[in-house]
Amino acid sequence: MDMNENGILDLIEENVNKIKTSHSPLKKASYIAVVEKLCEAYQEQLNVELISSKEEKPSINKPMTKEQYNDFFKNAGILPNQEFLDKEQHKHQEDKA
């Protein structure tokens, strides 16, 4: 974790404390906006680190394993569950019979 990253976290913490101690809704709102921007900056930094730390990332030419494929779609929330797939295949086999 580099210094810059901790700097952002410190600023987030500082602003969260200002939100806690402030009695002005207007000031709280502006501190919240700052925290949001800091979180976005932190996320950007994490993304850069993730990209640069993925030396072992699966290459585009190398096919994903079934596990990676399932994880990818499960994380995206669009993987049909296995039970459903089995039913569909079963239905097709009955149709052919």
N, C-alpha and C. Protein backbone atom coordinates (compact mmCIF):
# COMPACT_ATOMS: atom_id res chain seq x y z
N MET A 1 0.85 -1.19 0.00
CA MET A 1 0.00 0.00 0.00
C MET A 1 0.89 1.25 0.00
N ASP A 2 0.73 2.10 -0.99
CA ASP A 2 1.63 3.25 -1.03
C ASP A 2 1.12 4.40 -0.18
N MET A 3 1.99 5.38 -0.01
CA MET A 3 1.71 6.51 0.86
C MET A 3 0.48 7.27 0.41
N ASN A 4 0.36 7.45 -0.90
CA ASN A 4 -0.75 8.21 -1.46
C ASN A 4 -2.09 7.60 -1.06
N GLU A 5 -2.13 6.26 -1.08
CA GLU A 5 -3.36 5.56 -0.74
C GLU A 5 -3.75 5.85 0.72
N ASN A 6 -2.75 5.77 1.61
CA ASN A 6 -3.02 6.07 3.02
C ASN A 6 -3.43 7.53 3.19
N GLY A 7 -2.85 8.41 2.38
CA GLY A 7 -3.21 9.82 2.42
C GLY A 7 -4.69 10.01 2.14
N ILE A 8 -5.18 9.31 1.13
CA ILE A 8 -6.60 9.41 0.78
C ILE A 8 -7.46 8.88 1.94
N LEU A 9 -7.05 7.75 2.50
CA LEU A 9 -7.81 7.19 3.63
C LEU A 9 -7.82 8.14 4.82
N ASP A 10 -6.67 8.79 5.06
CA ASP A 10 -6.60 9.75 6.16
C ASP A 10 -7.55 10.92 5.92
N LEU A 11 -7.59 11.39 4.68
CA LEU A 11 -8.49 12.50 4.35
C LEU A 11 -9.95 12.08 4.50
N ILE A 12 -10.26 10.84 4.10
CA ILE A 12 -11.63 10.34 4.26
C ILE A 12 -11.99 10.34 5.74
N GLU A 13 -11.07 9.81 6.54
CA GLU A 13 -11.29 9.73 7.99
C GLU A 13 -11.48 11.12 8.60
N GLU A 14 -10.64 12.05 8.16
CA GLU A 14 -10.71 13.44 8.64
C GLU A 14 -12.09 14.04 8.35
N ASN A 15 -12.56 13.83 7.14
CA ASN A 15 -13.86 14.39 6.75
C ASN A 15 -15.02 13.68 7.44
N VAL A 16 -14.87 12.38 7.67
CA VAL A 16 -15.92 11.64 8.41
C VAL A 16 -16.01 12.22 9.83
N ASN A 17 -14.86 12.50 10.42
CA ASN A 17 -14.86 13.09 11.77
C ASN A 17 -15.52 14.47 11.76
N LYS A 18 -15.27 15.24 10.70
CA LYS A 18 -15.91 16.56 10.59
C LYS A 18 -17.43 16.40 10.49
N ILE A 19 -17.87 15.37 9.76
CA ILE A 19 -19.32 15.11 9.65
C ILE A 19 -19.89 14.82 11.03
N LYS A 20 -19.15 13.98 11.79
CA LYS A 20 -19.63 13.59 13.12
C LYS A 20 -19.72 14.78 14.06
N THR A 21 -18.75 15.70 13.98
CA THR A 21 -18.71 16.79 14.96
C THR A 21 -19.49 18.02 14.52
N SER A 22 -19.77 18.13 13.23
CA SER A 22 -20.47 19.32 12.74
C SER A 22 -21.94 19.29 13.13
N HIS A 23 -22.47 20.50 13.38
CA HIS A 23 -23.89 20.59 13.71
C HIS A 23 -24.66 21.24 12.55
N SER A 24 -23.94 21.63 11.52
CA SER A 24 -24.58 22.30 10.39
C SER A 24 -24.86 21.29 9.28
N PRO A 25 -26.14 21.10 8.94
CA PRO A 25 -26.47 20.16 7.85
C PRO A 25 -25.79 20.54 6.54
N LEU A 26 -25.63 21.84 6.31
CA LEU A 26 -24.98 22.31 5.09
C LEU A 26 -23.52 21.87 5.06
N LYS A 27 -22.82 22.05 6.19
CA LYS A 27 -21.42 21.64 6.27
C LYS A 27 -21.30 20.12 6.14
N LYS A 28 -22.20 19.41 6.83
CA LYS A 28 -22.19 17.94 6.74
C LYS A 28 -22.30 17.51 5.28
N ALA A 29 -23.21 18.14 4.55
CA ALA A 29 -23.43 17.81 3.14
C ALA A 29 -22.16 18.03 2.33
N SER A 30 -21.46 19.14 2.61
CA SER A 30 -20.24 19.39 1.83
C SER A 30 -19.14 18.41 2.20
N TYR A 31 -19.05 18.03 3.47
CA TYR A 31 -18.05 17.01 3.87
C TYR A 31 -18.37 15.66 3.22
N ILE A 32 -19.66 15.35 3.15
CA ILE A 32 -20.08 14.09 2.51
C ILE A 32 -19.67 14.09 1.04
N ALA A 33 -19.87 15.23 0.37
CA ALA A 33 -19.47 15.34 -1.04
C ALA A 33 -17.97 15.11 -1.19
N VAL A 34 -17.18 15.67 -0.25
CA VAL A 34 -15.72 15.49 -0.29
C VAL A 34 -15.38 14.01 -0.10
N VAL A 35 -16.04 13.38 0.87
CA VAL A 35 -15.79 11.96 1.13
C VAL A 35 -16.11 11.14 -0.12
N GLU A 36 -17.22 11.47 -0.79
CA GLU A 36 -17.58 10.75 -2.02
C GLU A 36 -16.48 10.86 -3.06
N LYS A 37 -15.97 12.07 -3.26
CA LYS A 37 -14.91 12.29 -4.25
C LYS A 37 -13.65 11.53 -3.84
N LEU A 38 -13.34 11.54 -2.55
CA LEU A 38 -12.15 10.83 -2.07
C LEU A 38 -12.30 9.32 -2.29
N CYS A 39 -13.51 8.83 -2.06
CA CYS A 39 -13.77 7.40 -2.28
C CYS A 39 -13.59 7.05 -3.76
N GLU A 40 -14.06 7.92 -4.63
CA GLU A 40 -13.89 7.69 -6.07
C GLU A 40 -12.40 7.66 -6.42
N ALA A 41 -11.64 8.59 -5.86
CA ALA A 41 -10.20 8.64 -6.13
C ALA A 41 -9.53 7.37 -5.62
N TYR A 42 -9.95 6.93 -4.45
CA TYR A 42 -9.39 5.71 -3.85
C TYR A 42 -9.71 4.50 -4.73
N GLN A 43 -10.94 4.44 -5.22
CA GLN A 43 -11.36 3.34 -6.09
C GLN A 43 -10.53 3.33 -7.38
N GLU A 44 -10.31 4.51 -7.95
CA GLU A 44 -9.49 4.62 -9.15
C GLU A 44 -8.10 4.04 -8.89
N GLN A 45 -7.55 4.40 -7.74
CA GLN A 45 -6.21 3.94 -7.40
C GLN A 45 -6.18 2.42 -7.24
N LEU A 46 -7.22 1.90 -6.60
CA LEU A 46 -7.31 0.45 -6.44
C LEU A 46 -7.38 -0.23 -7.80
N ASN A 47 -8.17 0.34 -8.70
CA ASN A 47 -8.30 -0.23 -10.04
C ASN A 47 -6.95 -0.29 -10.74
N VAL A 48 -6.19 0.81 -10.62
CA VAL A 48 -4.86 0.85 -11.25
C VAL A 48 -3.98 -0.24 -10.65
N GLU A 49 -4.04 -0.37 -9.32
CA GLU A 49 -3.22 -1.40 -8.66
C GLU A 49 -3.65 -2.79 -9.08
N LEU A 50 -4.95 -3.01 -9.17
CA LEU A 50 -5.46 -4.32 -9.58
C LEU A 50 -4.96 -4.66 -10.97
N ILE A 51 -5.04 -3.69 -11.87
CA ILE A 51 -4.60 -3.93 -13.24
C ILE A 51 -3.11 -4.22 -13.28
N SER A 52 -2.32 -3.42 -12.55
CA SER A 52 -0.88 -3.61 -12.61
C SER A 52 -0.42 -4.84 -11.83
N SER A 53 -1.23 -5.30 -10.88
CA SER A 53 -0.81 -6.46 -10.08
C SER A 53 -1.26 -7.78 -10.70
N LYS A 54 -1.94 -7.69 -11.84
CA LYS A 54 -2.49 -8.91 -12.44
C LYS A 54 -1.55 -9.52 -13.46
N GLU A 55 -0.28 -9.73 -13.05
CA GLU A 55 0.66 -10.39 -13.96
C GLU A 55 0.14 -11.77 -14.31
N GLU A 56 -0.50 -12.41 -13.32
CA GLU A 56 -0.99 -13.77 -13.54
C GLU A 56 -2.41 -13.78 -14.10
N LYS A 57 -2.85 -12.60 -14.58
CA LYS A 57 -4.22 -12.54 -15.11
C LYS A 57 -4.37 -13.49 -16.30
N PRO A 58 -5.53 -14.09 -16.46
CA PRO A 58 -5.72 -15.00 -17.58
C PRO A 58 -5.59 -14.21 -18.88
N SER A 59 -4.79 -14.69 -19.80
CA SER A 59 -4.64 -13.95 -21.05
C SER A 59 -5.90 -14.15 -21.87
N ILE A 60 -6.13 -13.23 -22.77
CA ILE A 60 -7.36 -13.28 -23.58
C ILE A 60 -7.35 -14.53 -24.46
N ASN A 61 -6.15 -14.94 -24.85
CA ASN A 61 -6.05 -16.11 -25.73
C ASN A 61 -6.31 -17.42 -24.98
N LYS A 62 -6.02 -17.39 -23.67
CA LYS A 62 -6.19 -18.61 -22.88
C LYS A 62 -7.65 -18.70 -22.44
N PRO A 63 -8.33 -19.80 -22.77
CA PRO A 63 -9.74 -19.88 -22.38
C PRO A 63 -9.89 -19.93 -20.85
N MET A 64 -10.98 -19.38 -20.37
CA MET A 64 -11.25 -19.41 -18.94
C MET A 64 -11.60 -20.83 -18.53
N THR A 65 -11.23 -21.17 -17.30
CA THR A 65 -11.67 -22.46 -16.78
C THR A 65 -13.17 -22.34 -16.50
N LYS A 66 -13.85 -23.47 -16.37
CA LYS A 66 -15.28 -23.47 -16.09
C LYS A 66 -15.53 -22.69 -14.78
N GLU A 67 -14.62 -22.87 -13.83
CA GLU A 67 -14.75 -22.21 -12.53
C GLU A 67 -14.67 -20.68 -12.69
N GLN A 68 -13.65 -20.22 -13.45
CA GLN A 68 -13.51 -18.77 -13.67
C GLN A 68 -14.74 -18.23 -14.40
N TYR A 69 -15.21 -18.98 -15.36
CA TYR A 69 -16.38 -18.60 -16.15
C TYR A 69 -17.59 -18.44 -15.24
N ASN A 70 -17.81 -19.46 -14.38
CA ASN A 70 -18.94 -19.41 -13.44
C ASN A 70 -18.81 -18.24 -12.49
N ASP A 71 -17.60 -18.04 -11.94
CA ASP A 71 -17.38 -16.94 -11.01
C ASP A 71 -17.67 -15.61 -11.68
N PHE A 72 -17.18 -15.47 -12.91
CA PHE A 72 -17.36 -14.23 -13.64
C PHE A 72 -18.85 -13.89 -13.77
N PHE A 73 -19.63 -14.86 -14.23
CA PHE A 73 -21.05 -14.60 -14.45
C PHE A 73 -21.83 -14.55 -13.14
N LYS A 74 -21.39 -15.33 -12.14
CA LYS A 74 -22.06 -15.29 -10.84
C LYS A 74 -21.88 -13.89 -10.26
N ASN A 75 -20.64 -13.35 -10.36
CA ASN A 75 -20.37 -12.01 -9.86
C ASN A 75 -21.18 -10.98 -10.61
N ALA A 76 -21.37 -11.21 -11.89
CA ALA A 76 -22.17 -10.27 -12.68
C ALA A 76 -23.66 -10.48 -12.41
N GLY A 77 -23.99 -11.57 -11.73
CA GLY A 77 -25.38 -11.83 -11.37
C GLY A 77 -26.21 -12.35 -12.52
N ILE A 78 -25.55 -12.96 -13.52
CA ILE A 78 -26.32 -13.39 -14.70
C ILE A 78 -26.11 -14.86 -15.05
N LEU A 79 -25.61 -15.61 -14.08
CA LEU A 79 -25.39 -17.03 -14.38
C LEU A 79 -26.65 -17.80 -14.04
N PRO A 80 -27.25 -18.49 -15.03
CA PRO A 80 -28.41 -19.30 -14.69
C PRO A 80 -27.95 -20.43 -13.77
N ASN A 81 -28.75 -20.78 -12.78
CA ASN A 81 -28.26 -21.82 -11.89
C ASN A 81 -28.29 -23.18 -12.57
N GLN A 82 -27.44 -24.06 -12.09
CA GLN A 82 -27.20 -25.35 -12.74
C GLN A 82 -28.50 -26.16 -12.85
N GLU A 83 -29.32 -26.08 -11.83
CA GLU A 83 -30.58 -26.82 -11.80
C GLU A 83 -31.43 -26.45 -13.01
N PHE A 84 -31.49 -25.16 -13.30
CA PHE A 84 -32.26 -24.67 -14.43
C PHE A 84 -31.71 -25.25 -15.73
N LEU A 85 -30.38 -25.22 -15.88
CA LEU A 85 -29.75 -25.75 -17.09
C LEU A 85 -30.05 -27.23 -17.26
N ASP A 86 -29.98 -27.97 -16.15
CA ASP A 86 -30.25 -29.41 -16.21
C ASP A 86 -31.69 -29.66 -16.67
N LYS A 87 -32.63 -28.88 -16.14
CA LYS A 87 -34.03 -29.03 -16.53
C LYS A 87 -34.20 -28.77 -18.01
N GLU A 88 -33.53 -27.70 -18.49
CA GLU A 88 -33.63 -27.35 -19.91
C GLU A 88 -33.10 -28.50 -20.78
N GLN A 89 -31.94 -29.04 -20.41
CA GLN A 89 -31.36 -30.14 -21.19
C GLN A 89 -32.29 -31.35 -21.15
N HIS A 90 -32.85 -31.61 -19.99
CA HIS A 90 -33.75 -32.74 -19.80
C HIS A 90 -34.97 -32.58 -20.71
N LYS A 91 -35.48 -31.35 -20.75
CA LYS A 91 -36.65 -31.05 -21.57
C LYS A 91 -36.34 -31.32 -23.05
N HIS A 92 -35.15 -30.86 -23.48
CA HIS A 92 -34.76 -31.07 -24.89
C HIS A 92 -34.64 -32.56 -25.21
N GLN A 93 -34.11 -33.32 -24.26
CA GLN A 93 -33.96 -34.76 -24.50
C GLN A 93 -35.34 -35.42 -24.61
N GLU A 94 -36.29 -34.98 -23.79
CA GLU A 94 -37.64 -35.51 -23.88
C GLU A 94 -38.29 -35.14 -25.19
N ASP A 95 -38.02 -33.91 -25.67
CA ASP A 95 -38.59 -33.47 -26.94
C ASP A 95 -38.11 -34.34 -28.09
N LYS A 96 -36.83 -34.74 -28.02
CA LYS A 96 -36.27 -35.57 -29.09
C LYS A 96 -36.85 -36.98 -29.05
N ALA A 97 -37.14 -37.47 -27.84
CA ALA A 97 -37.61 -38.86 -27.68
C ALA A 97 -38.96 -39.09 -28.35
